[in-house]
């Protein structure tokens, strides 16, 4: 996972070239060699170097050079240059690597995009424009060093290695200036602090608190990408708590910023916000997964954690006399709107909306098998495991054990019904719409739909009715009852 360290961090003493180079993939070494052979500066830069020094596996590899985009495109046939920021994407053995020309940026008039980008500057100027010191390091060599057969070196003009060693997130230079240039850097600083387990430098944190409102100027897509990565951390509450404490939550997800202070009769001393934080951490423990996982596992983890974070988002609006009537119904579209605004994958916010809508189910051991089948049909077989996992996380967030006796019993009984392949929907009937329409002498339309729905209800209650002649006879009786009304 992204936030699980690998062995042998290189934080104290000289950073030995051999140690750093030994951790570079052959593809990255090949890219550096191609640049050096063409007489260009060639450095691995940013988060890649940070993770190398920490002994962590980088999620991606970024390189920087003095070669301009046109020259890079010529050096790497088949590469892509699609923006004005000097980044050329090179594909090696199916993996993409970004190679960016040194640049400076000026005139961030909207706290998002630089008005001016200049290429061809020095590595030092390029590093000075970066967000935090632990991301402002480079490893490689200049064209002159390469020509002289000099070794690759660590370039660290802003004390990033020392901040790694002390566990500090610190802005490069003046934090107000850095965050004023691009407000997303504040969210990145919080996310890095949470994922790495670092503290934010006091001056940097004070600047975040002063400028937190600037996040409202960012696109939902950029904000959502940071929220996704924060939710996929091993302990999401660390970053979420930092968002709330610095004022960033109110700017990024104001619906959640309404939760602190709302009383919650769950755990003594906890308010609604604390309950949400406990629940999302429990969901992360139940459904582990990280940003580096294959997409299906990553999306499943994201669904579980987003649903846990947002399951009670309807409570502030429904709070009255210590109760939250219908907060599931109110909260479901709010949750979907939040995730849509943040440009989460469509499959994620549609699924989370359904989970929030159904999370207040109440199981009783006296339920018949038919009642269990109706429950499965109501929530959807595809949602069942996620919903029961959300209930388990919600229980932990309420001070109860995960998968308590009732949840465990319902999980077992649902599995028994599914393993028995009982009919649960129209598609499980031995007749289809054409069969029923022909038997009743009616065409497609709402009337036929109502007959099929009621027929399905009868079969869910009693699977033994799922025989062709029996169903067609039932369909005729149902249709006659509809006519009599």
Protein backbone atom coordinates (compact mmCIF):
# COMPACT_ATOMS: atom_id res chain seq x y z
CA UNK A 1 0.00 0.00 0.00
CA UNK A 2 1.09 3.58 -0.49
CA UNK A 3 1.53 4.25 3.20
CA UNK A 4 3.40 1.07 4.19
CA UNK A 5 7.17 1.75 4.28
CA UNK A 6 9.64 -0.58 2.63
CA UNK A 7 12.99 -1.45 4.29
CA UNK A 8 16.17 0.61 4.36
CA UNK A 9 15.26 4.30 4.34
CA UNK A 10 18.15 6.53 3.29
CA UNK A 11 17.60 9.51 5.56
CA UNK A 12 20.79 9.77 7.60
CA UNK A 13 24.37 10.11 6.41
CA UNK A 14 25.35 10.66 2.78
CA UNK A 15 22.85 9.39 0.23
CA UNK A 16 25.04 6.88 -1.54
CA UNK A 17 24.70 6.95 -5.32
CA UNK A 18 24.79 3.16 -5.52
CA UNK A 19 21.93 2.82 -3.02
CA UNK A 20 19.71 5.26 -4.88
CA UNK A 21 20.54 3.92 -8.32
CA UNK A 22 19.90 0.36 -7.16
CA UNK A 23 16.28 1.33 -6.53
CA UNK A 24 15.71 2.81 -9.98
CA UNK A 25 13.83 0.54 -12.40
CA UNK A 26 15.70 -0.37 -15.58
CA UNK A 27 13.20 1.67 -17.61
CA UNK A 28 13.99 4.82 -15.60
CA UNK A 29 17.74 4.22 -15.92
CA UNK A 30 17.20 3.85 -19.65
CA UNK A 31 15.37 7.18 -19.87
CA UNK A 32 18.11 8.93 -17.90
CA UNK A 33 20.78 7.37 -20.13
CA UNK A 34 18.95 8.47 -23.30
CA UNK A 35 18.84 12.07 -22.06
CA UNK A 36 22.45 12.02 -20.89
CA UNK A 37 23.61 10.51 -24.19
CA UNK A 38 21.94 13.40 -26.02
CA UNK A 39 23.86 15.94 -23.93
CA UNK A 40 20.89 16.85 -21.68
CA UNK A 41 20.47 17.21 -17.94
CA UNK A 42 18.63 14.18 -16.57
CA UNK A 43 17.07 13.88 -13.10
CA UNK A 44 14.45 11.84 -11.32
CA UNK A 45 12.46 14.42 -9.37
CA UNK A 46 9.75 15.08 -6.79
CA UNK A 47 7.76 12.34 -5.12
CA UNK A 48 9.86 9.63 -6.77
CA UNK A 49 12.98 10.84 -4.93
CA UNK A 50 11.04 11.32 -1.70
CA UNK A 51 9.87 7.71 -1.78
CA UNK A 52 13.33 6.41 -2.71
CA UNK A 53 14.81 8.09 0.37
CA UNK A 54 12.02 6.75 2.58
CA UNK A 55 12.54 3.21 1.30
CA UNK A 56 9.06 3.17 -0.23
CA UNK A 57 8.05 1.96 -3.67
CA UNK A 58 7.17 5.02 -5.81
CA UNK A 59 3.72 4.85 -7.40
CA UNK A 60 5.03 6.65 -10.47
CA UNK A 61 8.27 8.10 -11.78
CA UNK A 62 8.78 11.70 -12.89
CA UNK A 63 11.87 13.01 -14.64
CA UNK A 64 13.04 16.55 -15.39
CA UNK A 65 15.56 17.93 -17.88
CA UNK A 66 16.75 21.09 -19.61
CA UNK A 67 15.65 19.71 -23.00
CA UNK A 68 12.60 21.51 -24.38
CA UNK A 69 9.42 19.58 -25.35
CA UNK A 70 10.26 19.54 -29.06
CA UNK A 71 13.61 17.96 -28.40
CA UNK A 72 12.08 15.47 -25.99
CA UNK A 73 9.53 14.46 -28.60
CA UNK A 74 12.37 13.86 -31.04
CA UNK A 75 14.41 11.88 -28.50
CA UNK A 76 11.45 9.65 -27.61
CA UNK A 77 9.51 8.74 -30.79
CA UNK A 78 5.89 7.86 -30.05
CA UNK A 79 5.78 10.05 -26.93
CA UNK A 80 2.93 12.51 -26.29
CA UNK A 81 3.10 16.23 -25.62
CA UNK A 82 -0.41 17.44 -24.79
CA UNK A 83 -0.08 20.53 -22.58
CA UNK A 84 1.73 23.81 -22.27
CA UNK A 85 3.59 22.87 -19.10
CA UNK A 86 6.46 21.04 -20.78
CA UNK A 87 5.47 17.48 -19.86
CA UNK A 88 6.13 14.75 -22.42
CA UNK A 89 4.71 11.30 -21.67
CA UNK A 90 6.95 8.39 -22.67
CA UNK A 91 5.67 4.81 -22.66
CA UNK A 92 8.11 1.98 -21.91
CA UNK A 93 6.85 -1.61 -21.83
CA UNK A 94 3.29 -0.42 -21.21
CA UNK A 95 4.18 1.95 -18.34
CA UNK A 96 3.97 5.73 -18.72
CA UNK A 97 6.72 8.05 -17.49
CA UNK A 98 6.49 11.84 -17.47
CA UNK A 99 9.54 13.83 -18.56
CA UNK A 100 9.16 17.56 -17.94
CA UNK A 101 11.30 20.46 -19.09
CA UNK A 102 12.67 22.72 -16.34
CA UNK A 103 10.25 25.57 -15.92
CA UNK A 104 9.26 28.56 -13.85
CA UNK A 105 5.68 29.71 -13.33
CA UNK A 106 4.39 33.22 -12.71
CA UNK A 107 1.13 35.06 -12.28
CA UNK A 108 -1.25 32.58 -10.65
CA UNK A 109 -4.22 34.93 -11.03
CA UNK A 110 -6.88 32.31 -10.14
CA UNK A 111 -5.02 30.24 -7.50
CA UNK A 112 -4.99 27.36 -9.96
CA UNK A 113 -3.11 27.98 -13.23
CA UNK A 114 0.05 29.97 -13.93
CA UNK A 115 -0.44 32.81 -16.40
CA UNK A 116 3.16 32.42 -17.62
CA UNK A 117 5.32 29.33 -18.03
CA UNK A 118 9.00 29.70 -19.01
CA UNK A 119 11.21 26.80 -20.18
CA UNK A 120 14.97 26.41 -20.26
CA UNK A 121 15.79 27.56 -16.72
CA UNK A 122 18.01 25.78 -14.22
CA UNK A 123 17.19 22.80 -12.04
CA UNK A 124 17.42 25.08 -8.98
CA UNK A 125 14.74 27.39 -10.36
CA UNK A 126 12.55 24.41 -11.23
CA UNK A 127 12.80 22.99 -7.71
CA UNK A 128 12.03 26.40 -6.19
CA UNK A 129 8.54 26.39 -7.77
CA UNK A 130 7.52 23.09 -6.13
CA UNK A 131 5.04 22.79 -3.28
CA UNK A 132 6.79 21.26 -0.23
CA UNK A 133 10.42 20.56 0.55
CA UNK A 134 10.10 16.76 0.52
CA UNK A 135 8.92 17.04 -3.09
CA UNK A 136 11.65 19.52 -4.09
CA UNK A 137 14.58 17.12 -4.49
CA UNK A 138 16.14 15.58 -7.59
CA UNK A 139 18.54 12.73 -8.27
CA UNK A 140 20.65 12.58 -11.42
CA UNK A 141 23.30 14.66 -13.14
CA UNK A 142 23.68 17.64 -15.41
CA UNK A 143 24.93 17.39 -18.98
CA UNK A 144 28.32 18.71 -17.85
CA UNK A 145 28.60 16.07 -15.13
CA UNK A 146 27.61 13.34 -17.56
CA UNK A 147 30.22 14.50 -20.06
CA UNK A 148 32.84 14.38 -17.32
CA UNK A 149 31.58 10.93 -16.27
CA UNK A 150 30.48 12.39 -12.95
CA UNK A 151 28.29 10.37 -10.62
CA UNK A 152 24.60 11.02 -10.23
CA UNK A 153 23.91 13.09 -7.10
CA UNK A 154 21.07 14.10 -4.81
CA UNK A 155 20.13 17.76 -5.28
CA UNK A 156 18.33 19.14 -2.19
CA UNK A 157 18.42 22.94 -2.02
CA UNK A 158 15.45 23.32 0.39
CA UNK A 159 16.25 20.82 3.12
CA UNK A 160 13.80 18.15 2.00
CA UNK A 161 15.94 15.28 3.25
CA UNK A 162 16.17 16.79 6.72
CA UNK A 163 12.40 17.30 6.75
CA UNK A 164 11.94 13.66 5.76
CA UNK A 165 14.14 12.62 8.67
CA UNK A 166 12.21 14.79 11.14
CA UNK A 167 8.79 13.89 9.69
CA UNK A 168 7.87 17.44 8.65
CA UNK A 169 5.79 18.80 5.78
CA UNK A 170 7.08 22.31 5.04
CA UNK A 171 6.28 24.61 2.13
CA UNK A 172 9.11 25.61 -0.18
CA UNK A 173 9.96 29.22 0.64
CA UNK A 174 7.08 31.49 1.72
CA UNK A 175 4.04 29.25 2.38
CA UNK A 176 1.55 32.03 1.66
CA UNK A 177 3.17 32.54 -1.74
CA UNK A 178 3.22 28.81 -2.51
CA UNK A 179 -0.44 28.30 -1.59
CA UNK A 180 -1.49 31.55 -3.22
CA UNK A 181 -0.05 30.26 -6.50
CA UNK A 182 -2.02 27.01 -6.42
CA UNK A 183 -4.56 26.30 -3.68
CA UNK A 184 -4.40 22.55 -4.39
CA UNK A 185 -1.01 22.50 -2.68
CA UNK A 186 -2.76 22.87 0.68
CA UNK A 187 -4.73 19.67 0.09
CA UNK A 188 -1.56 17.92 -1.05
CA UNK A 189 0.25 19.01 2.09
CA UNK A 190 -2.50 17.56 4.28
CA UNK A 191 -2.66 14.36 2.25
CA UNK A 192 1.10 13.85 2.45
CA UNK A 193 1.12 14.51 6.19
CA UNK A 194 -1.64 11.95 6.68
CA UNK A 195 -0.20 9.25 4.41
CA UNK A 196 3.38 9.60 5.64
CA UNK A 197 2.46 10.15 9.28
CA UNK A 198 4.24 13.53 9.30
CA UNK A 199 3.48 16.79 11.11
CA UNK A 200 2.84 20.02 9.24
CA UNK A 201 5.35 22.76 10.01
CA UNK A 202 3.63 25.46 12.14
CA UNK A 203 4.22 28.29 9.66
CA UNK A 204 2.98 26.11 6.81
CA UNK A 205 -0.11 25.10 8.76
CA UNK A 206 -0.87 28.70 9.70
CA UNK A 207 -0.75 29.66 6.02
CA UNK A 208 -3.15 26.80 5.19
CA UNK A 209 -5.59 28.03 7.83
CA UNK A 210 -5.38 31.58 6.44
CA UNK A 211 -5.89 30.54 2.84
CA UNK A 212 -8.20 27.50 3.20
CA UNK A 213 -11.09 29.28 1.51
CA UNK A 214 -9.11 29.46 -1.75
CA UNK A 215 -9.88 25.76 -2.27
CA UNK A 216 -13.38 26.85 -3.34
CA UNK A 217 -11.77 28.24 -6.51
CA UNK A 218 -10.45 24.82 -7.57
CA UNK A 219 -12.23 22.45 -9.92
CA UNK A 220 -14.05 19.54 -8.35
CA UNK A 221 -11.89 17.15 -10.36
CA UNK A 222 -8.65 18.40 -8.79
CA UNK A 223 -10.09 18.45 -5.27
CA UNK A 224 -11.68 15.03 -5.72
CA UNK A 225 -8.39 13.45 -6.82
CA UNK A 226 -6.79 14.50 -3.51
CA UNK A 227 -9.81 13.38 -1.46
CA UNK A 228 -9.72 9.98 -3.18
CA UNK A 229 -6.05 9.47 -2.31
CA UNK A 230 -6.66 10.61 1.25
CA UNK A 231 -9.56 8.17 1.65
CA UNK A 232 -7.34 5.34 0.37
CA UNK A 233 -4.76 5.94 3.12
CA UNK A 234 -4.44 3.19 5.72
CA UNK A 235 -6.06 5.40 8.39
CA UNK A 236 -8.24 7.95 6.52
CA UNK A 237 -9.32 9.82 9.68
CA UNK A 238 -5.86 11.34 10.11
CA UNK A 239 -6.15 13.36 6.92
CA UNK A 240 -9.87 14.03 7.33
CA UNK A 241 -9.28 15.42 10.80
CA UNK A 242 -6.54 17.67 9.43
CA UNK A 243 -8.91 18.90 6.73
CA UNK A 244 -11.48 19.84 9.37
CA UNK A 245 -9.01 21.42 11.78
CA UNK A 246 -7.40 23.63 9.12
CA UNK A 247 -10.67 24.80 7.56
CA UNK A 248 -10.09 22.93 4.30
CA UNK A 249 -13.07 20.63 4.87
CA UNK A 250 -15.48 23.57 4.96
CA UNK A 251 -14.14 24.71 1.60
CA UNK A 252 -13.95 21.29 -0.05
CA UNK A 253 -16.97 19.43 1.42
CA UNK A 254 -19.11 21.91 3.37
CA UNK A 255 -21.82 19.30 3.89
CA UNK A 256 -19.44 17.37 6.18
CA UNK A 257 -18.23 20.51 7.92
CA UNK A 258 -21.74 20.75 9.42
CA UNK A 259 -21.19 17.55 11.45
CA UNK A 260 -18.86 18.72 14.27
CA UNK A 261 -20.92 19.64 17.31
CA UNK A 262 -23.99 17.60 16.34
CA UNK A 263 -24.67 15.34 19.35
CA UNK A 264 -24.55 11.61 18.76
CA UNK A 265 -25.70 9.16 21.42
CA UNK A 266 -23.15 6.52 20.50
CA UNK A 267 -19.83 6.91 22.37
CA UNK A 268 -19.51 9.28 25.32
CA UNK A 269 -17.84 12.50 24.21
CA UNK A 270 -18.17 11.81 20.48
CA UNK A 271 -20.17 14.05 18.20
CA UNK A 272 -21.43 13.15 14.73
CA UNK A 273 -18.10 14.02 13.08
CA UNK A 274 -16.18 11.73 15.42
CA UNK A 275 -18.66 8.95 14.65
CA UNK A 276 -18.08 9.44 10.91
CA UNK A 277 -14.30 9.34 11.39
CA UNK A 278 -14.47 6.14 13.45
CA UNK A 279 -16.74 4.58 10.83
CA UNK A 280 -14.48 5.39 7.87
CA UNK A 281 -11.45 3.98 9.71
CA UNK A 282 -13.41 0.82 10.45
CA UNK A 283 -14.38 0.56 6.79
CA UNK A 284 -10.70 0.87 5.83
CA UNK A 285 -9.87 -2.02 8.17
CA UNK A 286 -12.71 -4.16 6.79
CA UNK A 287 -11.97 -3.30 3.14
CA UNK A 288 -8.21 -2.67 2.88
CA UNK A 289 -6.94 -1.24 -0.37
CA UNK A 290 -4.81 1.61 -1.66
CA UNK A 291 -4.11 3.88 -4.57
CA UNK A 292 -1.59 1.40 -5.99
CA UNK A 293 -4.05 -1.52 -6.17
CA UNK A 294 -5.59 -2.76 -9.46
CA UNK A 295 -8.64 -0.70 -10.40
CA UNK A 296 -11.37 -3.14 -9.24
CA UNK A 297 -9.84 -3.45 -5.76
CA UNK A 298 -9.14 0.27 -5.59
CA UNK A 299 -12.71 1.13 -6.54
CA UNK A 300 -14.17 -1.36 -4.05
CA UNK A 301 -12.09 0.20 -1.26
CA UNK A 302 -13.10 3.68 -2.38
CA UNK A 303 -16.81 2.77 -2.35
CA UNK A 304 -16.55 1.32 1.16
CA UNK A 305 -14.76 4.34 2.59
CA UNK A 306 -16.79 7.01 0.80
CA UNK A 307 -20.01 5.32 1.95
CA UNK A 308 -18.72 5.16 5.52
CA UNK A 309 -17.72 8.84 5.44
CA UNK A 310 -21.04 9.98 3.97
CA UNK A 311 -23.52 7.52 5.47
CA UNK A 312 -24.81 10.10 7.97
CA UNK A 313 -24.45 13.19 5.77
CA UNK A 314 -28.23 13.69 6.03
CA UNK A 315 -28.23 13.95 9.82
CA UNK A 316 -27.52 17.69 10.29
CA UNK A 317 -30.52 18.59 8.10
CA UNK A 318 -32.85 16.16 9.89
CA UNK A 319 -31.72 16.71 13.50
CA UNK A 320 -34.69 17.44 15.77
CA UNK A 321 -35.32 16.56 19.41
CA UNK A 322 -32.25 14.32 19.45
CA UNK A 323 -33.46 12.29 16.46
CA UNK A 324 -32.55 12.08 12.77
CA UNK A 325 -35.73 10.90 11.10
CA UNK A 326 -35.28 9.74 7.50
CA UNK A 327 -31.68 10.89 7.38
CA UNK A 328 -30.95 7.96 5.05
CA UNK A 329 -33.51 9.18 2.51
CA UNK A 330 -32.31 12.79 2.80
CA UNK A 331 -28.62 11.86 2.80
CA UNK A 332 -28.53 9.57 -0.24
CA UNK A 333 -28.92 12.27 -2.93
CA UNK A 334 -26.62 14.60 -0.95
CA UNK A 335 -23.90 11.93 -0.94
CA UNK A 336 -24.33 11.41 -4.69
CA UNK A 337 -24.15 15.17 -5.30
CA UNK A 338 -20.93 15.49 -3.29
CA UNK A 339 -19.20 12.66 -5.13
CA UNK A 340 -20.47 13.91 -8.48
CA UNK A 341 -19.14 17.40 -7.72
CA UNK A 342 -15.77 15.86 -6.82
CA UNK A 343 -15.75 13.86 -10.07
CA UNK A 344 -15.48 10.48 -8.36
CA UNK A 345 -15.97 7.62 -10.84
CA UNK A 346 -19.64 7.39 -11.74
CA UNK A 347 -19.88 3.82 -10.56
CA UNK A 348 -18.63 4.93 -7.13
CA UNK A 349 -21.14 7.71 -6.46
CA UNK A 350 -24.09 5.69 -7.80
CA UNK A 351 -23.18 2.79 -5.51
CA UNK A 352 -22.55 5.04 -2.50
CA UNK A 353 -25.94 6.69 -3.01
CA UNK A 354 -27.63 3.29 -2.79
CA UNK A 355 -25.61 2.31 0.29
CA UNK A 356 -26.53 5.50 2.12
CA UNK A 357 -30.18 5.05 1.16
CA UNK A 358 -30.34 1.49 2.56
CA UNK A 359 -27.97 1.67 5.54
CA UNK A 360 -30.74 2.03 8.16
CA UNK A 361 -32.19 -1.47 7.68
CA UNK A 362 -33.28 -3.22 10.89
CA UNK A 363 -32.87 -6.98 11.01
CA UNK A 364 -34.73 -9.17 13.52
CA UNK A 365 -33.93 -12.84 14.16
CA UNK A 366 -37.65 -13.55 13.77
CA UNK A 367 -37.46 -12.77 10.04
CA UNK A 368 -38.70 -15.62 7.88
CA UNK A 369 -36.64 -16.86 4.95
CA UNK A 370 -39.07 -14.99 2.72
CA UNK A 371 -38.30 -11.78 4.61
CA UNK A 372 -34.58 -12.36 4.03
CA UNK A 373 -35.26 -12.84 0.32
CA UNK A 374 -37.31 -9.64 0.21
CA UNK A 375 -34.43 -7.81 1.91
CA UNK A 376 -31.97 -9.07 -0.71
CA UNK A 377 -34.33 -8.07 -3.51
CA UNK A 378 -34.91 -4.62 -2.02
CA UNK A 379 -31.24 -3.66 -1.63
CA UNK A 380 -29.95 -5.65 -4.61
CA UNK A 381 -27.79 -8.75 -4.60
CA UNK A 382 -24.89 -6.73 -6.04
CA UNK A 383 -24.97 -4.36 -3.05
CA UNK A 384 -25.40 -6.92 -0.30
CA UNK A 385 -21.80 -7.47 0.83
CA UNK A 386 -21.02 -3.74 0.70
CA UNK A 387 -24.13 -2.92 2.74
CA UNK A 388 -23.36 -5.48 5.43
CA UNK A 389 -19.76 -4.26 5.57
CA UNK A 390 -21.05 -0.70 5.99
CA UNK A 391 -23.26 -1.85 8.86
CA UNK A 392 -20.23 -3.55 10.47
CA UNK A 393 -18.19 -0.33 10.13
CA UNK A 394 -21.10 1.76 11.45
CA UNK A 395 -21.28 -0.56 14.47
CA UNK A 396 -17.57 -0.04 15.18
CA UNK A 397 -18.09 3.71 14.80
CA UNK A 398 -20.82 3.39 17.43
CA UNK A 399 -18.64 1.55 19.93
CA UNK A 400 -19.96 -1.93 19.08
CA UNK A 401 -18.09 -4.95 17.72
CA UNK A 402 -17.85 -5.39 13.96
CA UNK A 403 -20.16 -8.10 12.64
CA UNK A 404 -22.10 -8.39 15.87
CA UNK A 405 -24.41 -11.37 16.31
CA UNK A 406 -27.31 -9.92 14.31
CA UNK A 407 -25.21 -8.70 11.40
CA UNK A 408 -23.32 -11.98 11.28
CA UNK A 409 -26.59 -13.93 11.36
CA UNK A 410 -28.13 -11.84 8.57
CA UNK A 411 -24.95 -12.25 6.50
CA UNK A 412 -25.14 -16.04 6.97
CA UNK A 413 -28.85 -16.23 6.12
CA UNK A 414 -28.45 -14.11 2.99
CA UNK A 415 -25.61 -16.35 1.85
CA UNK A 416 -27.78 -19.46 2.40
CA UNK A 417 -30.50 -18.01 0.18
CA UNK A 418 -28.05 -17.02 -2.54
CA UNK A 419 -26.32 -20.39 -2.45
CA UNK A 420 -29.74 -22.02 -2.91
CA UNK A 421 -30.19 -19.96 -6.13
CA UNK A 422 -33.67 -18.85 -5.11
CA UNK A 423 -35.54 -16.50 -7.48
CA UNK A 424 -35.04 -12.86 -6.50
CA UNK A 425 -36.03 -10.86 -9.55
CA UNK A 426 -37.88 -10.87 -12.86
CA UNK A 427 -34.94 -12.47 -14.57
CA UNK A 428 -35.21 -15.51 -12.30
CA UNK A 429 -38.81 -16.32 -13.32
CA UNK A 430 -39.33 -19.28 -15.66
CA UNK A 431 -41.58 -17.04 -17.78
CA UNK A 432 -40.71 -13.69 -19.33
CA UNK A 433 -42.69 -10.61 -20.28
CA UNK A 434 -43.61 -12.00 -23.72
CA UNK A 435 -45.02 -15.17 -22.12
CA UNK A 436 -47.18 -13.21 -19.70
CA UNK A 437 -48.32 -10.67 -22.33
CA UNK A 438 -49.38 -13.49 -24.66
CA UNK A 439 -51.25 -15.34 -21.90
CA UNK A 440 -53.11 -12.15 -20.86
CA UNK A 441 -53.69 -10.77 -24.33
CA UNK A 442 -52.10 -7.42 -23.48
CA UNK A 443 -49.17 -5.51 -24.92
CA UNK A 444 -46.09 -3.96 -23.34
CA UNK A 445 -46.74 -1.12 -20.91
CA UNK A 446 -47.25 -0.18 -17.26
CA UNK A 447 -50.02 -2.76 -16.76
CA UNK A 448 -47.78 -5.62 -17.83
CA UNK A 449 -45.01 -4.22 -15.62
CA UNK A 450 -47.29 -4.21 -12.57
CA UNK A 451 -48.31 -7.83 -13.23
CA UNK A 452 -44.67 -8.91 -13.53
CA UNK A 453 -43.70 -7.06 -10.35
CA UNK A 454 -46.46 -8.70 -8.33
CA UNK A 455 -45.70 -12.07 -9.87
CA UNK A 456 -42.07 -11.64 -8.80
CA UNK A 457 -43.14 -10.69 -5.29
CA UNK A 458 -45.19 -13.89 -5.02
CA UNK A 459 -42.29 -16.05 -6.19
CA UNK A 460 -39.83 -14.36 -3.83
CA UNK A 461 -42.25 -15.18 -0.99
CA UNK A 462 -42.69 -18.78 -2.21
CA UNK A 463 -40.04 -20.06 -4.66
CA UNK A 464 -42.10 -23.23 -5.17
CA UNK A 465 -44.49 -21.20 -7.34
CA UNK A 466 -41.81 -20.74 -10.00
CA UNK A 467 -43.36 -23.13 -12.55
CA UNK A 468 -44.68 -22.05 -15.95
CA UNK A 469 -48.33 -23.11 -15.64
CA UNK A 470 -48.56 -21.90 -12.04
CA UNK A 471 -47.10 -18.50 -12.91
CA UNK A 472 -49.36 -17.95 -15.90
CA UNK A 473 -52.41 -18.83 -13.77
CA UNK A 474 -51.20 -16.43 -11.08
CA UNK A 475 -50.64 -13.75 -13.72
CA UNK A 476 -54.26 -14.07 -14.87
CA UNK A 477 -55.51 -13.76 -11.27
CA UNK A 478 -53.30 -10.72 -10.65
CA UNK A 479 -54.52 -9.08 -13.86
CA UNK A 480 -58.16 -9.67 -12.90
CA UNK A 481 -57.53 -8.04 -9.51
CA UNK A 482 -56.06 -5.03 -11.26
CA UNK A 483 -59.19 -4.75 -13.44
CA UNK A 484 -61.47 -4.89 -10.38
CA UNK A 485 -59.76 -1.86 -8.79
